[in-house]
């Protein structure tokens, strides 16, 4: 089962590799499609919200915002965007 803690760790890895917000948006949508049958509704909604970053610049989050999201996920918190 893919968890929010694992998502937070994976997101941190993307940030450490200095991936763009647009790239992370596509990555988040890939994670959603790969794990959609095993994740809960709140994680689905978060992944879809992050996925919108690849669509338009106004949907993008800064690396600082994404890092805070990752930290909260690793801490086991629910994150809503």
N, C-alpha and C. Protein backbone atom coordinates (compact mmCIF):
# COMPACT_ATOMS: atom_id res chain seq x y z
N UNK A 1 0.84 -1.19 0.00
CA UNK A 1 0.00 0.00 0.00
C UNK A 1 0.88 1.24 0.00
N UNK A 2 0.54 2.18 -0.84
CA UNK A 2 1.26 3.44 -0.94
C UNK A 2 0.66 4.42 0.07
N UNK A 3 1.49 4.96 0.95
CA UNK A 3 1.01 5.81 2.03
C UNK A 3 1.42 7.26 1.84
N UNK A 4 0.81 8.14 2.63
CA UNK A 4 1.17 9.55 2.57
C UNK A 4 2.61 9.76 3.03
N UNK A 5 3.08 8.92 3.97
CA UNK A 5 4.47 9.04 4.41
C UNK A 5 5.40 8.70 3.26
N UNK A 6 5.09 7.65 2.50
CA UNK A 6 5.91 7.30 1.34
C UNK A 6 5.85 8.40 0.29
N UNK A 7 4.67 8.97 0.07
CA UNK A 7 4.56 10.08 -0.88
C UNK A 7 5.44 11.24 -0.44
N UNK A 8 5.42 11.57 0.84
CA UNK A 8 6.26 12.66 1.34
C UNK A 8 7.73 12.40 1.08
N UNK A 9 8.18 11.19 1.33
CA UNK A 9 9.58 10.83 1.08
C UNK A 9 9.91 10.89 -0.40
N UNK A 10 9.00 10.38 -1.22
CA UNK A 10 9.23 10.41 -2.67
C UNK A 10 9.23 11.85 -3.20
N UNK A 11 8.35 12.68 -2.67
CA UNK A 11 8.32 14.09 -3.07
C UNK A 11 9.62 14.79 -2.68
N UNK A 12 10.12 14.51 -1.48
CA UNK A 12 11.40 15.08 -1.05
C UNK A 12 12.52 14.69 -2.02
N UNK A 13 12.49 13.44 -2.47
CA UNK A 13 13.50 12.98 -3.41
C UNK A 13 13.43 13.77 -4.72
N UNK A 14 12.23 14.02 -5.21
CA UNK A 14 12.06 14.82 -6.43
C UNK A 14 12.62 16.23 -6.23
N UNK A 15 12.37 16.78 -5.05
CA UNK A 15 12.85 18.13 -4.76
C UNK A 15 14.37 18.16 -4.64
N UNK A 16 14.95 17.13 -4.03
CA UNK A 16 16.42 17.06 -3.91
C UNK A 16 17.08 16.95 -5.27
N UNK A 17 16.37 16.34 -6.23
CA UNK A 17 16.87 16.25 -7.60
C UNK A 17 16.58 17.52 -8.38
N UNK A 18 16.03 18.52 -7.70
CA UNK A 18 15.75 19.84 -8.28
C UNK A 18 14.83 19.77 -9.50
N UNK A 19 13.84 18.87 -9.44
CA UNK A 19 12.86 18.76 -10.52
C UNK A 19 11.95 19.99 -10.51
N UNK A 20 11.51 20.39 -11.66
CA UNK A 20 10.62 21.55 -11.78
C UNK A 20 9.22 21.22 -11.26
N UNK A 21 8.46 22.25 -10.94
CA UNK A 21 7.08 22.04 -10.48
C UNK A 21 6.27 21.34 -11.57
N UNK A 22 6.50 21.71 -12.81
CA UNK A 22 5.78 21.07 -13.92
C UNK A 22 6.12 19.58 -13.98
N UNK A 23 7.39 19.25 -13.84
CA UNK A 23 7.80 17.84 -13.83
C UNK A 23 7.15 17.10 -12.66
N UNK A 24 7.17 17.71 -11.47
CA UNK A 24 6.59 17.08 -10.28
C UNK A 24 5.10 16.88 -10.47
N UNK A 25 4.43 17.79 -11.18
CA UNK A 25 3.02 17.61 -11.48
C UNK A 25 2.77 16.35 -12.30
N UNK A 26 3.58 16.14 -13.32
CA UNK A 26 3.45 14.93 -14.13
C UNK A 26 3.80 13.69 -13.33
N UNK A 27 4.82 13.80 -12.49
CA UNK A 27 5.22 12.69 -11.63
C UNK A 27 4.08 12.33 -10.67
N UNK A 28 3.45 13.35 -10.07
CA UNK A 28 2.35 13.11 -9.13
C UNK A 28 1.19 12.40 -9.82
N UNK A 29 0.89 12.79 -11.05
CA UNK A 29 -0.19 12.12 -11.77
C UNK A 29 0.20 10.67 -12.09
N UNK A 30 1.47 10.44 -12.41
CA UNK A 30 1.94 9.07 -12.64
C UNK A 30 1.76 8.23 -11.37
N UNK A 31 2.14 8.78 -10.23
CA UNK A 31 1.99 8.07 -8.95
C UNK A 31 0.51 7.77 -8.71
N UNK A 32 -0.34 8.73 -9.01
CA UNK A 32 -1.79 8.53 -8.86
C UNK A 32 -2.26 7.34 -9.70
N UNK A 33 -1.88 7.32 -10.97
CA UNK A 33 -2.35 6.24 -11.84
C UNK A 33 -1.76 4.88 -11.45
N UNK A 34 -0.54 4.90 -10.96
CA UNK A 34 0.12 3.65 -10.57
C UNK A 34 -0.50 3.04 -9.31
N UNK A 35 -0.95 3.90 -8.38
CA UNK A 35 -1.40 3.42 -7.07
C UNK A 35 -2.87 3.71 -6.78
N UNK A 36 -3.65 4.13 -7.77
CA UNK A 36 -5.00 4.59 -7.51
C UNK A 36 -5.91 3.57 -6.83
N UNK A 37 -5.66 2.30 -7.00
CA UNK A 37 -6.51 1.28 -6.39
C UNK A 37 -6.14 0.99 -4.95
N UNK A 38 -5.00 1.48 -4.50
CA UNK A 38 -4.55 1.16 -3.15
C UNK A 38 -4.41 2.38 -2.23
N UNK A 39 -4.78 3.55 -2.70
CA UNK A 39 -4.64 4.75 -1.86
C UNK A 39 -6.01 5.25 -1.44
N UNK A 40 -6.02 5.96 -0.30
CA UNK A 40 -7.29 6.48 0.20
C UNK A 40 -7.69 7.75 -0.55
N UNK A 41 -8.91 8.16 -0.32
CA UNK A 41 -9.47 9.31 -1.05
C UNK A 41 -8.67 10.58 -0.85
N UNK A 42 -8.23 10.87 0.37
CA UNK A 42 -7.49 12.11 0.61
C UNK A 42 -6.16 12.13 -0.14
N UNK A 43 -5.50 10.98 -0.24
CA UNK A 43 -4.24 10.91 -0.99
C UNK A 43 -4.50 11.03 -2.49
N UNK A 44 -5.59 10.45 -2.96
CA UNK A 44 -5.97 10.62 -4.38
C UNK A 44 -6.17 12.09 -4.71
N UNK A 45 -6.93 12.78 -3.85
CA UNK A 45 -7.21 14.20 -4.09
C UNK A 45 -5.92 15.03 -4.08
N UNK A 46 -5.02 14.72 -3.16
CA UNK A 46 -3.75 15.45 -3.10
C UNK A 46 -2.93 15.21 -4.36
N UNK A 47 -2.82 13.96 -4.78
CA UNK A 47 -2.04 13.66 -5.98
C UNK A 47 -2.63 14.33 -7.22
N UNK A 48 -3.95 14.34 -7.32
CA UNK A 48 -4.59 15.01 -8.47
C UNK A 48 -4.36 16.52 -8.41
N UNK A 49 -4.42 17.09 -7.22
CA UNK A 49 -4.16 18.53 -7.07
C UNK A 49 -2.71 18.85 -7.45
N UNK A 50 -1.77 18.03 -7.00
CA UNK A 50 -0.37 18.24 -7.39
C UNK A 50 -0.20 18.03 -8.89
N UNK A 51 -0.95 17.11 -9.44
CA UNK A 51 -0.86 16.83 -10.88
C UNK A 51 -1.23 18.01 -11.74
N UNK A 52 -2.05 18.90 -11.24
CA UNK A 52 -2.44 20.07 -12.04
C UNK A 52 -1.27 21.02 -12.29
N UNK A 53 -0.19 20.86 -11.54
CA UNK A 53 0.97 21.76 -11.73
C UNK A 53 1.56 21.63 -13.13
N UNK A 54 1.35 20.51 -13.79
CA UNK A 54 1.90 20.38 -15.13
C UNK A 54 1.03 21.06 -16.18
N UNK A 55 -0.16 21.49 -15.80
CA UNK A 55 -1.09 22.05 -16.77
C UNK A 55 -0.85 23.53 -17.05
N UNK A 56 -0.69 24.32 -15.98
CA UNK A 56 -0.56 25.77 -16.15
C UNK A 56 0.29 26.34 -15.03
N UNK A 57 1.05 27.37 -15.31
CA UNK A 57 1.93 27.96 -14.29
C UNK A 57 1.19 28.43 -13.03
N UNK A 58 -0.04 28.88 -13.17
CA UNK A 58 -0.76 29.38 -12.00
C UNK A 58 -1.13 28.27 -11.01
N UNK A 59 -1.01 27.02 -11.43
CA UNK A 59 -1.27 25.89 -10.53
C UNK A 59 -0.02 25.40 -9.82
N UNK A 60 1.13 25.95 -10.20
CA UNK A 60 2.40 25.48 -9.65
C UNK A 60 2.60 25.97 -8.22
N UNK A 61 3.28 25.13 -7.44
CA UNK A 61 3.69 25.47 -6.08
C UNK A 61 5.20 25.66 -6.10
N UNK A 62 5.71 26.51 -5.22
CA UNK A 62 7.16 26.71 -5.13
C UNK A 62 7.81 25.49 -4.50
N UNK A 63 9.11 25.39 -4.65
CA UNK A 63 9.83 24.29 -4.01
C UNK A 63 9.68 24.36 -2.50
N UNK A 64 9.62 25.56 -1.96
CA UNK A 64 9.44 25.71 -0.50
C UNK A 64 8.08 25.17 -0.07
N UNK A 65 7.04 25.50 -0.83
CA UNK A 65 5.70 24.99 -0.52
C UNK A 65 5.65 23.47 -0.65
N UNK A 66 6.27 22.94 -1.69
CA UNK A 66 6.29 21.49 -1.89
C UNK A 66 7.08 20.80 -0.79
N UNK A 67 8.15 21.42 -0.35
CA UNK A 67 8.94 20.86 0.75
C UNK A 67 8.12 20.81 2.03
N UNK A 68 7.35 21.86 2.29
CA UNK A 68 6.48 21.88 3.47
C UNK A 68 5.40 20.80 3.36
N UNK A 69 4.84 20.63 2.18
CA UNK A 69 3.85 19.56 1.96
C UNK A 69 4.49 18.21 2.26
N UNK A 70 5.69 17.98 1.73
CA UNK A 70 6.40 16.72 1.96
C UNK A 70 6.65 16.50 3.45
N UNK A 71 7.10 17.54 4.15
CA UNK A 71 7.35 17.43 5.60
C UNK A 71 6.09 17.05 6.35
N UNK A 72 4.99 17.67 6.00
CA UNK A 72 3.72 17.37 6.67
C UNK A 72 3.27 15.93 6.40
N UNK A 73 3.47 15.47 5.17
CA UNK A 73 3.11 14.09 4.84
C UNK A 73 3.97 13.10 5.61
N UNK A 74 5.26 13.37 5.68
CA UNK A 74 6.18 12.50 6.41
C UNK A 74 5.80 12.45 7.89
N UNK A 75 5.30 13.57 8.42
CA UNK A 75 4.87 13.63 9.82
C UNK A 75 3.52 12.92 10.03
N UNK A 76 2.91 12.46 8.92
CA UNK A 76 1.65 11.73 9.03
C UNK A 76 0.41 12.60 8.99
N UNK A 77 0.59 13.87 8.65
CA UNK A 77 -0.55 14.79 8.60
C UNK A 77 -1.30 14.64 7.27
N UNK A 78 -2.59 14.95 7.32
CA UNK A 78 -3.36 15.05 6.08
C UNK A 78 -3.11 16.42 5.48
N UNK A 79 -2.94 16.48 4.18
CA UNK A 79 -2.67 17.73 3.49
C UNK A 79 -3.76 17.95 2.45
N UNK A 80 -4.34 19.12 2.46
CA UNK A 80 -5.34 19.51 1.45
C UNK A 80 -4.82 20.73 0.73
N UNK A 81 -4.96 20.74 -0.58
CA UNK A 81 -4.54 21.90 -1.38
C UNK A 81 -5.74 22.60 -1.94
